[in-house]
């Protein structure tokens, strides 16, 4: 009995520790965005310099989850997590003590690598420390709910810290110190997952996947930065999301090439990964753009912005609480599509604003967006409904989507900074330029949410789900031909 109680306490401690490690990643991203004005002044950066800081981080963050998962399977997930925490602490320390722009840029790239390692290792270690069953499902659900709500929840303490200390270096010191504490606690709290010698053969495939994923993340930023029309960004993003699902639909007749047929057979897994990536992009973009809109056009202080976005936590918790029960009754496809539609409606309401953004105007659409993004806390539902998707793969998809979303939304904002009307003088001209840019971003968010709804209806199971394990014969739920892909969990 005592041993059983000790095992339960150890598993609960592991869930808490891994959640804190994941929140550290969210804190770094959120606090860094809030501290951008201070960072720009301290390092004497131009707008292009700030864009490079954000894009470099998001490219590394989006491109490396596949490789991090593969390395964890081959050499141990705890080693990968520890490596990420060490890199995070070193990068935070370098940013805290140096004012050099090149050092800051390099540290942001290292932070992106560290975030990928931490995020990939967290879910894998939950799986290795919890026996398969309700206990593991509960732990995964708690972890994903914490991660989904961490963004808006962390914003307030980040702004309070910056206002109290009056130095952006405080966020880097927090990052370095917390990282060191976690490095000390991880060996005590977590057991190493069993390395798989067979998985080492997949490391090369995963390393090769870094290049196209990195190019994809970079292209997202380049597209937003160079497109003469934000409509082009929306069209390309939506087409990219719908293309794989459309190809899988074509393969249903069996007369098309085998790739189409395999895509159709595994369309539910691919659809689950795609939906999570798109909603993660929307949530990351919404938090970033609303933070800027409330400060630039609403006149709110950073701390007031933190309070204004805090209700999003309530919306996410409500989504996490109600969507699983709704999926059990109405089916996964309809539930996810409705949630995506609610998030799209929130973005549409925000895009109708013209001028200042105040708390009362932002609250209703923010709650709709947050409720719809509660889908991000449903990895167990995705995994247990015949989709073949795995929580670890869904976590990597969320990571990829967040990185791509940050690149796209920052790119749209950069277009406004360098547009012909941005050179006009006067407060009204300034507000008009950024008001248009914010509307473009919110329209992009609405389009991505609607694309996610369409993918859900095309690919996910429509009947009421049953508690079934993923089909072991479907490449671990990953899209066909992607050994070492986000859905790959090894033997």
Protein backbone atom coordinates (compact mmCIF):
# COMPACT_ATOMS: atom_id res chain seq x y z
CA UNK A 1 0.00 0.00 0.00
CA UNK A 2 2.78 2.37 0.92
CA UNK A 3 4.61 1.65 -2.29
CA UNK A 4 1.43 2.23 -4.26
CA UNK A 5 0.85 5.56 -2.54
CA UNK A 6 4.46 6.55 -3.18
CA UNK A 7 4.06 5.68 -6.85
CA UNK A 8 0.95 7.83 -7.15
CA UNK A 9 2.66 10.77 -5.46
CA UNK A 10 5.67 10.40 -7.74
CA UNK A 11 3.48 10.38 -10.82
CA UNK A 12 1.58 13.44 -9.64
CA UNK A 13 4.85 15.21 -8.90
CA UNK A 14 5.98 14.36 -12.42
CA UNK A 15 2.83 15.91 -13.91
CA UNK A 16 3.33 19.10 -11.88
CA UNK A 17 7.02 19.38 -12.75
CA UNK A 18 6.42 18.84 -16.46
CA UNK A 19 3.59 21.38 -16.43
CA UNK A 20 5.93 23.94 -14.81
CA UNK A 21 8.56 23.21 -17.47
CA UNK A 22 5.97 23.79 -20.19
CA UNK A 23 4.72 26.98 -18.54
CA UNK A 24 8.33 28.21 -18.54
CA UNK A 25 8.28 27.96 -22.34
CA UNK A 26 5.01 29.89 -22.49
CA UNK A 27 6.37 32.50 -20.04
CA UNK A 28 9.41 33.04 -22.21
CA UNK A 29 7.30 33.61 -25.32
CA UNK A 30 4.69 35.79 -23.63
CA UNK A 31 6.98 37.91 -21.48
CA UNK A 32 9.35 38.45 -24.40
CA UNK A 33 6.49 39.82 -26.51
CA UNK A 34 5.43 42.18 -23.72
CA UNK A 35 9.01 43.38 -23.21
CA UNK A 36 9.65 44.09 -26.90
CA UNK A 37 9.61 47.93 -26.52
CA UNK A 38 12.25 47.74 -23.76
CA UNK A 39 14.30 45.22 -25.76
CA UNK A 40 14.16 47.44 -28.85
CA UNK A 41 15.41 50.45 -26.89
CA UNK A 42 18.10 48.54 -25.01
CA UNK A 43 19.60 46.78 -28.04
CA UNK A 44 18.92 49.72 -30.43
CA UNK A 45 16.99 47.47 -32.81
CA UNK A 46 14.95 48.50 -35.82
CA UNK A 47 11.55 47.03 -36.63
CA UNK A 48 13.33 44.57 -38.91
CA UNK A 49 15.54 43.58 -35.97
CA UNK A 50 12.52 42.86 -33.79
CA UNK A 51 10.97 40.83 -36.58
CA UNK A 52 14.16 38.77 -36.85
CA UNK A 53 14.05 38.07 -33.10
CA UNK A 54 10.49 36.76 -33.30
CA UNK A 55 10.97 34.86 -36.56
CA UNK A 56 14.23 33.19 -35.51
CA UNK A 57 12.62 31.83 -32.37
CA UNK A 58 9.47 30.63 -34.13
CA UNK A 59 11.43 28.93 -36.93
CA UNK A 60 13.55 26.92 -34.47
CA UNK A 61 10.52 26.21 -32.28
CA UNK A 62 8.47 24.96 -35.24
CA UNK A 63 11.18 23.01 -37.06
CA UNK A 64 12.65 20.88 -34.28
CA UNK A 65 9.84 18.96 -32.49
CA UNK A 66 10.16 15.97 -34.82
CA UNK A 67 13.90 15.67 -34.21
CA UNK A 68 13.46 16.19 -30.45
CA UNK A 69 10.94 13.35 -30.25
CA UNK A 70 13.19 11.04 -32.26
CA UNK A 71 16.23 11.83 -30.10
CA UNK A 72 14.18 11.17 -26.98
CA UNK A 73 13.06 7.79 -28.27
CA UNK A 74 16.62 6.83 -29.19
CA UNK A 75 18.54 8.14 -26.15
CA UNK A 76 15.95 8.85 -23.42
CA UNK A 77 13.31 11.55 -23.09
CA UNK A 78 14.64 12.81 -19.75
CA UNK A 79 18.02 13.55 -21.33
CA UNK A 80 16.31 15.59 -24.05
CA UNK A 81 14.25 17.49 -21.45
CA UNK A 82 17.35 18.21 -19.35
CA UNK A 83 19.21 19.39 -22.42
CA UNK A 84 16.38 21.78 -23.25
CA UNK A 85 16.31 23.18 -19.71
CA UNK A 86 20.09 23.71 -19.69
CA UNK A 87 19.93 25.54 -23.03
CA UNK A 88 17.02 27.64 -21.78
CA UNK A 89 18.94 28.73 -18.69
CA UNK A 90 22.10 29.57 -20.64
CA UNK A 91 20.17 31.56 -23.23
CA UNK A 92 18.28 33.45 -20.52
CA UNK A 93 21.53 34.27 -18.75
CA UNK A 94 23.17 35.52 -21.95
CA UNK A 95 20.19 37.77 -22.74
CA UNK A 96 20.13 39.14 -19.19
CA UNK A 97 23.78 40.22 -19.04
CA UNK A 98 24.42 41.30 -22.64
CA UNK A 99 23.08 44.27 -24.59
CA UNK A 100 24.56 43.16 -27.91
CA UNK A 101 21.99 42.59 -30.64
CA UNK A 102 23.87 39.60 -32.10
CA UNK A 103 23.99 37.90 -28.69
CA UNK A 104 20.27 38.50 -28.27
CA UNK A 105 19.51 37.05 -31.71
CA UNK A 106 21.63 33.96 -31.03
CA UNK A 107 20.04 33.45 -27.62
CA UNK A 108 16.57 33.60 -29.18
CA UNK A 109 17.56 30.87 -31.64
CA UNK A 110 18.87 28.77 -28.73
CA UNK A 111 15.62 29.44 -26.87
CA UNK A 112 13.68 28.09 -29.82
CA UNK A 113 15.74 24.90 -29.75
CA UNK A 114 15.28 24.62 -25.98
CA UNK A 115 11.52 25.15 -26.25
CA UNK A 116 11.27 22.38 -28.84
CA UNK A 117 13.19 19.95 -26.60
CA UNK A 118 11.17 20.80 -23.47
CA UNK A 119 7.83 20.59 -25.22
CA UNK A 120 8.61 17.31 -26.98
CA UNK A 121 9.99 15.67 -23.86
CA UNK A 122 7.13 16.63 -21.54
CA UNK A 123 4.37 14.51 -23.07
CA UNK A 124 6.72 11.59 -23.73
CA UNK A 125 7.75 11.54 -20.07
CA UNK A 126 4.12 11.57 -18.91
CA UNK A 127 3.57 8.49 -21.06
CA UNK A 128 6.66 6.77 -19.64
CA UNK A 129 5.83 7.56 -15.98
CA UNK A 130 2.13 6.61 -16.18
CA UNK A 131 0.88 3.12 -17.05
CA UNK A 132 -1.55 3.04 -19.95
CA UNK A 133 -5.13 3.61 -18.84
CA UNK A 134 -7.30 6.23 -17.16
CA UNK A 135 -4.42 7.52 -15.05
CA UNK A 136 -2.34 8.38 -18.10
CA UNK A 137 -5.34 9.85 -19.92
CA UNK A 138 -6.11 12.07 -16.93
CA UNK A 139 -2.50 13.21 -16.64
CA UNK A 140 -2.33 14.05 -20.35
CA UNK A 141 -5.63 15.93 -20.18
CA UNK A 142 -4.41 18.00 -17.23
CA UNK A 143 -1.11 18.73 -18.98
CA UNK A 144 -2.73 19.89 -22.21
CA UNK A 145 -5.30 21.98 -20.33
CA UNK A 146 -2.52 23.74 -18.40
CA UNK A 147 -0.57 24.38 -21.59
CA UNK A 148 -3.64 25.73 -23.40
CA UNK A 149 -4.50 28.14 -20.58
CA UNK A 150 -0.91 29.14 -19.80
CA UNK A 151 -0.66 31.82 -22.49
CA UNK A 152 -3.29 34.25 -21.20
CA UNK A 153 -2.65 33.22 -17.58
CA UNK A 154 1.08 34.02 -17.74
CA UNK A 155 0.55 37.41 -19.36
CA UNK A 156 -0.56 39.14 -16.14
CA UNK A 157 2.37 38.06 -13.92
CA UNK A 158 4.73 38.90 -16.79
CA UNK A 159 3.43 42.45 -17.05
CA UNK A 160 3.37 42.92 -13.26
CA UNK A 161 6.99 41.77 -13.13
CA UNK A 162 8.03 44.21 -15.84
CA UNK A 163 6.15 47.12 -14.28
CA UNK A 164 7.53 46.38 -10.80
CA UNK A 165 11.17 45.85 -11.70
CA UNK A 166 11.12 48.34 -14.60
CA UNK A 167 13.68 46.27 -16.48
CA UNK A 168 13.09 43.77 -19.25
CA UNK A 169 16.14 41.84 -18.07
CA UNK A 170 13.96 40.50 -15.26
CA UNK A 171 12.23 38.07 -17.62
CA UNK A 172 15.57 36.60 -18.67
CA UNK A 173 16.73 36.23 -15.05
CA UNK A 174 13.48 34.44 -14.16
CA UNK A 175 13.95 32.15 -17.11
CA UNK A 176 17.55 31.33 -16.14
CA UNK A 177 16.82 30.75 -12.44
CA UNK A 178 13.69 28.64 -12.95
CA UNK A 179 15.52 26.60 -15.57
CA UNK A 180 18.32 25.82 -13.11
CA UNK A 181 15.81 24.79 -10.43
CA UNK A 182 14.07 22.45 -12.86
CA UNK A 183 17.40 20.94 -13.90
CA UNK A 184 18.00 20.07 -10.25
CA UNK A 185 14.49 18.65 -9.73
CA UNK A 186 14.13 16.60 -12.92
CA UNK A 187 16.57 13.77 -11.95
CA UNK A 188 14.88 13.47 -8.55
CA UNK A 189 11.29 13.50 -9.78
CA UNK A 190 11.37 11.84 -13.20
CA UNK A 191 12.59 8.41 -14.24
CA UNK A 192 14.33 8.03 -17.57
CA UNK A 193 12.30 6.51 -20.39
CA UNK A 194 13.74 3.35 -21.87
CA UNK A 195 15.86 4.21 -24.94
CA UNK A 196 15.04 2.21 -28.04
CA UNK A 197 18.03 1.09 -30.16
CA UNK A 198 15.66 0.59 -33.10
CA UNK A 199 14.63 4.25 -32.85
CA UNK A 200 18.15 5.42 -33.63
CA UNK A 201 17.61 4.52 -37.26
CA UNK A 202 14.79 7.08 -37.36
CA UNK A 203 16.90 9.97 -36.08
CA UNK A 204 18.30 10.55 -39.56
CA UNK A 205 14.81 10.74 -41.07
CA UNK A 206 13.74 13.15 -38.35
CA UNK A 207 16.81 15.31 -38.91
CA UNK A 208 15.96 15.48 -42.61
CA UNK A 209 12.45 16.68 -41.68
CA UNK A 210 13.95 19.70 -39.93
CA UNK A 211 14.82 21.30 -43.26
CA UNK A 212 11.30 21.38 -44.81
CA UNK A 213 9.72 22.32 -41.48
CA UNK A 214 12.22 25.13 -41.03
CA UNK A 215 11.61 26.33 -44.57
CA UNK A 216 7.87 26.21 -43.93
CA UNK A 217 8.19 28.31 -40.78
CA UNK A 218 10.53 30.75 -42.50
CA UNK A 219 8.21 30.98 -45.51
CA UNK A 220 5.30 31.86 -43.22
CA UNK A 221 7.23 34.85 -41.92
CA UNK A 222 8.51 35.79 -45.38
CA UNK A 223 5.03 35.58 -46.86
CA UNK A 224 3.57 37.93 -44.28
CA UNK A 225 6.53 40.29 -44.55
CA UNK A 226 6.51 40.57 -48.35
CA UNK A 227 2.91 40.06 -49.42
CA UNK A 228 1.41 43.22 -50.92
CA UNK A 229 -1.99 42.03 -49.78
CA UNK A 230 -2.87 40.21 -46.54
CA UNK A 231 -5.55 38.46 -48.60
CA UNK A 232 -2.72 36.55 -50.28
CA UNK A 233 -1.51 35.36 -46.89
CA UNK A 234 -5.00 34.14 -46.01
CA UNK A 235 -5.50 32.38 -49.36
CA UNK A 236 -2.18 30.54 -49.20
CA UNK A 237 -2.65 29.53 -45.55
CA UNK A 238 -6.15 28.16 -46.17
CA UNK A 239 -5.13 26.38 -49.38
CA UNK A 240 -2.17 24.80 -47.61
CA UNK A 241 -4.42 23.52 -44.83
CA UNK A 242 -7.05 22.09 -47.17
CA UNK A 243 -4.75 20.53 -49.79
CA UNK A 244 -3.75 17.37 -47.86
CA UNK A 245 -7.34 16.66 -46.82
CA UNK A 246 -8.50 17.17 -50.41
CA UNK A 247 -5.85 14.75 -51.66
CA UNK A 248 -6.94 12.18 -49.11
CA UNK A 249 -10.54 12.52 -50.31
CA UNK A 250 -9.41 11.85 -53.88
CA UNK A 251 -7.75 8.63 -52.76
CA UNK A 252 -10.95 7.03 -51.55
CA UNK A 253 -11.71 5.44 -54.93
CA UNK A 254 -8.51 3.40 -54.79
CA UNK A 255 -7.71 4.15 -58.43
CA UNK A 256 -5.34 7.00 -57.66
CA UNK A 257 -1.65 6.55 -56.78
CA UNK A 258 -0.91 4.72 -53.54
CA UNK A 259 0.07 7.95 -51.76
CA UNK A 260 -3.48 9.28 -52.18
CA UNK A 261 -4.92 5.98 -50.98
CA UNK A 262 -2.74 5.93 -47.87
CA UNK A 263 -3.56 9.57 -47.13
CA UNK A 264 -7.24 8.69 -47.29
CA UNK A 265 -6.79 5.69 -45.01
CA UNK A 266 -5.02 7.83 -42.42
CA UNK A 267 -6.98 11.01 -43.06
CA UNK A 268 -8.41 11.14 -39.53
CA UNK A 269 -4.96 11.22 -37.95
CA UNK A 270 -3.75 13.79 -40.44
CA UNK A 271 -6.89 15.86 -39.88
CA UNK A 272 -6.40 15.83 -36.12
CA UNK A 273 -2.81 17.05 -36.47
CA UNK A 274 -3.87 19.75 -38.94
CA UNK A 275 -6.73 21.06 -36.79
CA UNK A 276 -4.50 21.33 -33.72
CA UNK A 277 -1.77 23.13 -35.69
CA UNK A 278 -4.24 25.65 -37.15
CA UNK A 279 -5.91 26.44 -33.82
CA UNK A 280 -2.53 26.78 -32.10
CA UNK A 281 -1.55 29.30 -34.78
CA UNK A 282 -4.76 31.23 -34.15
CA UNK A 283 -4.34 31.28 -30.38
CA UNK A 284 -0.69 32.39 -30.57
CA UNK A 285 -1.56 35.07 -33.12
CA UNK A 286 -4.57 36.33 -31.17
CA UNK A 287 -2.57 36.76 -27.96
CA UNK A 288 0.22 38.58 -29.80
CA UNK A 289 -2.01 40.92 -31.79
CA UNK A 290 -4.40 41.73 -28.95
CA UNK A 291 -1.45 42.57 -26.70
CA UNK A 292 -0.27 45.11 -29.28
CA UNK A 293 -3.75 46.44 -30.15
CA UNK A 294 -4.71 47.12 -26.54
CA UNK A 295 -1.46 48.99 -25.94
CA UNK A 296 -1.09 50.90 -29.22
CA UNK A 297 -4.73 51.78 -29.89
CA UNK A 298 -6.41 51.17 -26.54
CA UNK A 299 -3.86 53.07 -24.51
CA UNK A 300 -3.63 50.33 -21.86
CA UNK A 301 -0.53 49.75 -19.80
CA UNK A 302 1.13 46.31 -20.02
CA UNK A 303 -0.36 45.34 -16.64
CA UNK A 304 -3.84 46.41 -17.77
CA UNK A 305 -3.41 44.27 -20.88
CA UNK A 306 -2.62 41.33 -18.62
CA UNK A 307 -5.88 41.85 -16.75
CA UNK A 308 -7.80 42.34 -20.00
CA UNK A 309 -6.64 39.02 -21.47
CA UNK A 310 -6.99 37.04 -18.24
CA UNK A 311 -10.66 36.11 -18.93
CA UNK A 312 -9.39 34.00 -21.82
CA UNK A 313 -8.35 31.45 -19.20
CA UNK A 314 -12.01 31.07 -18.22
CA UNK A 315 -12.96 30.52 -21.86
CA UNK A 316 -10.28 27.88 -22.31
CA UNK A 317 -11.25 26.09 -19.10
CA UNK A 318 -14.89 26.11 -20.20
CA UNK A 319 -13.91 24.64 -23.56
CA UNK A 320 -11.71 22.00 -21.94
CA UNK A 321 -14.58 21.06 -19.60
CA UNK A 322 -17.48 20.87 -22.05
CA UNK A 323 -16.02 19.80 -25.38
CA UNK A 324 -15.15 16.18 -24.39
CA UNK A 325 -18.71 15.54 -23.23
CA UNK A 326 -20.07 17.17 -26.37
CA UNK A 327 -17.79 15.00 -28.53
CA UNK A 328 -19.12 11.88 -26.79
CA UNK A 329 -22.66 12.83 -27.77
CA UNK A 330 -22.36 14.54 -31.15
CA UNK A 331 -19.18 12.99 -32.53
CA UNK A 332 -15.70 14.42 -32.81
CA UNK A 333 -16.03 16.02 -36.26
CA UNK A 334 -19.13 18.06 -35.42
CA UNK A 335 -17.80 19.09 -32.00
CA UNK A 336 -14.45 20.29 -33.33
CA UNK A 337 -16.10 22.07 -36.25
CA UNK A 338 -18.48 23.93 -33.91
CA UNK A 339 -15.58 24.92 -31.65
CA UNK A 340 -13.59 26.19 -34.63
CA UNK A 341 -16.65 28.10 -35.81
CA UNK A 342 -16.98 29.77 -32.41
CA UNK A 343 -13.32 30.86 -32.57
CA UNK A 344 -13.83 32.15 -36.11
CA UNK A 345 -16.84 34.18 -34.95
CA UNK A 346 -14.66 35.76 -32.26
CA UNK A 347 -12.08 36.81 -34.84
CA UNK A 348 -14.82 38.22 -37.09
CA UNK A 349 -16.15 40.34 -34.22
CA UNK A 350 -12.66 41.68 -33.58
CA UNK A 351 -12.18 42.48 -37.27
CA UNK A 352 -15.32 44.65 -37.22
CA UNK A 353 -13.71 47.03 -34.73
CA UNK A 354 -12.53 50.32 -36.22
CA UNK A 355 -10.21 52.38 -34.07
CA UNK A 356 -9.48 51.89 -30.39
CA UNK A 357 -9.63 48.46 -28.75
CA UNK A 358 -10.98 48.58 -25.20
CA UNK A 359 -11.58 45.85 -22.64
CA UNK A 360 -15.38 45.82 -23.08
CA UNK A 361 -15.00 45.47 -26.85
CA UNK A 362 -12.45 42.68 -26.66
CA UNK A 363 -14.00 40.51 -23.93
CA UNK A 364 -16.88 38.76 -25.82
CA UNK A 365 -14.84 37.83 -28.92
CA UNK A 366 -11.89 36.85 -26.75
CA UNK A 367 -14.07 34.41 -24.82
CA UNK A 368 -15.34 32.90 -28.09
CA UNK A 369 -11.80 32.44 -29.41
CA UNK A 370 -10.62 30.94 -26.12
CA UNK A 371 -13.59 28.55 -25.94
CA UNK A 372 -12.96 27.30 -29.48
CA UNK A 373 -9.26 26.82 -28.76
CA UNK A 374 -10.27 24.50 -25.93
CA UNK A 375 -9.89 21.86 -28.65
CA UNK A 376 -6.15 22.09 -27.93
CA UNK A 377 -6.81 20.29 -24.64
CA UNK A 378 -8.44 17.28 -26.34
CA UNK A 379 -5.46 15.07 -27.31
CA UNK A 380 -6.85 12.08 -25.43
CA UNK A 381 -10.21 12.46 -27.18
CA UNK A 382 -8.44 12.61 -30.54
CA UNK A 383 -6.35 9.56 -29.66
CA UNK A 384 -9.24 7.46 -28.39
CA UNK A 385 -11.76 8.06 -31.17
CA UNK A 386 -10.36 5.99 -33.96
CA UNK A 387 -8.46 8.88 -35.53
CA UNK A 388 -5.12 7.16 -34.95
CA UNK A 389 -3.62 10.43 -33.72
CA UNK A 390 -1.34 10.25 -30.70
CA UNK A 391 -1.00 12.81 -27.88
CA UNK A 392 2.72 13.17 -28.53
CA UNK A 393 2.09 13.94 -32.18
CA UNK A 394 -0.68 16.38 -31.31
CA UNK A 395 1.67 18.14 -28.92
CA UNK A 396 4.25 18.53 -31.70
CA UNK A 397 1.53 19.78 -34.04
CA UNK A 398 0.51 22.41 -31.49
CA UNK A 399 4.14 23.45 -31.21
CA UNK A 400 4.52 23.70 -34.99
CA UNK A 401 1.29 25.67 -35.33
CA UNK A 402 2.22 28.17 -32.62
CA UNK A 403 5.53 28.88 -34.35
CA UNK A 404 3.92 29.30 -37.75
CA UNK A 405 1.16 31.49 -36.32
CA UNK A 406 3.62 33.85 -34.69
CA UNK A 407 5.52 34.18 -37.98
CA UNK A 408 2.40 34.86 -40.02
CA UNK A 409 0.85 37.41 -37.69
CA UNK A 410 4.14 39.24 -37.11
CA UNK A 411 4.62 39.34 -40.88
CA UNK A 412 1.25 40.98 -41.43
CA UNK A 413 2.10 43.60 -38.80
CA UNK A 414 5.46 44.25 -40.45
CA UNK A 415 3.72 44.97 -43.77
CA UNK A 416 1.82 47.77 -42.02
CA UNK A 417 5.05 49.16 -40.57
CA UNK A 418 6.57 49.51 -44.03
CA UNK A 419 3.46 50.28 -46.07
CA UNK A 420 3.23 53.58 -47.98
CA UNK A 421 0.69 55.01 -45.51
CA UNK A 422 2.94 54.21 -42.52
CA UNK A 423 5.07 57.28 -43.33
CA UNK A 424 2.17 59.65 -42.71
CA UNK A 425 2.51 61.82 -39.64
CA UNK A 426 -0.06 62.46 -36.96
CA UNK A 427 -1.86 60.37 -34.39
CA UNK A 428 -4.90 59.69 -36.56
CA UNK A 429 -2.77 58.42 -39.45
CA UNK A 430 -0.83 56.22 -37.02
CA UNK A 431 -4.02 54.74 -35.61
CA UNK A 432 -5.49 54.20 -39.07
CA UNK A 433 -2.42 52.25 -40.24
CA UNK A 434 -2.36 49.92 -37.28
CA UNK A 435 -6.12 49.57 -37.10
CA UNK A 436 -6.07 48.21 -40.66
CA UNK A 437 -3.18 45.89 -39.80
CA UNK A 438 -5.03 44.51 -36.78
CA UNK A 439 -8.14 43.88 -38.86
CA UNK A 440 -6.02 42.02 -41.41
CA UNK A 441 -4.64 39.81 -38.64
CA UNK A 442 -8.10 39.08 -37.26
CA UNK A 443 -9.36 38.21 -40.73
CA UNK A 444 -6.42 35.84 -41.07
CA UNK A 445 -7.38 34.24 -37.74
CA UNK A 446 -10.98 33.79 -38.89
CA UNK A 447 -9.85 32.17 -42.15
CA UNK A 448 -7.54 29.74 -40.33
CA UNK A 449 -10.32 28.76 -37.91
CA UNK A 450 -12.75 28.14 -40.76
CA UNK A 451 -10.09 26.06 -42.51
CA UNK A 452 -9.72 24.01 -39.32
CA UNK A 453 -13.51 23.50 -39.23
CA UNK A 454 -13.51 22.31 -42.85
CA UNK A 455 -10.62 19.89 -42.19
CA UNK A 456 -12.46 18.52 -39.15
CA UNK A 457 -15.64 17.86 -41.14
CA UNK A 458 -13.68 16.26 -44.00
CA UNK A 459 -11.45 13.99 -41.94
CA UNK A 460 -12.50 13.34 -38.34
CA UNK A 461 -14.92 10.57 -37.24
CA UNK A 462 -18.51 11.74 -37.33
CA UNK A 463 -20.12 9.13 -35.14
CA UNK A 464 -20.02 9.22 -31.36
CA UNK A 465 -16.56 8.05 -30.29
CA UNK A 466 -15.77 4.91 -28.37
CA UNK A 467 -12.82 4.51 -26.03
CA UNK A 468 -10.54 2.63 -28.36
CA UNK A 469 -6.79 2.63 -28.65
CA UNK A 470 -5.10 3.84 -31.82
CA UNK A 471 -4.76 1.29 -34.57
CA UNK A 472 -1.21 -0.08 -34.30
CA UNK A 473 -1.12 -0.72 -38.00
CA UNK A 474 -1.33 2.90 -39.09
CA UNK A 475 2.21 4.21 -38.66
CA UNK A 476 1.42 5.30 -35.10
CA UNK A 477 -1.17 7.68 -36.42
CA UNK A 478 1.31 9.74 -38.44
CA UNK A 479 0.69 10.64 -42.08
CA UNK A 480 1.92 7.95 -44.38
CA UNK A 481 5.60 7.82 -45.16
CA UNK A 482 6.66 10.06 -42.27
CA UNK A 483 8.81 7.92 -40.03
CA UNK A 484 9.87 10.06 -37.14
CA UNK A 485 6.98 12.42 -37.81
CA UNK A 486 5.08 14.18 -35.03
CA UNK A 487 2.85 11.17 -34.62
CA UNK A 488 5.63 8.68 -34.33
CA UNK A 489 6.16 7.30 -30.88
CA UNK A 490 8.39 4.40 -31.61
CA UNK A 491 7.78 0.80 -30.65
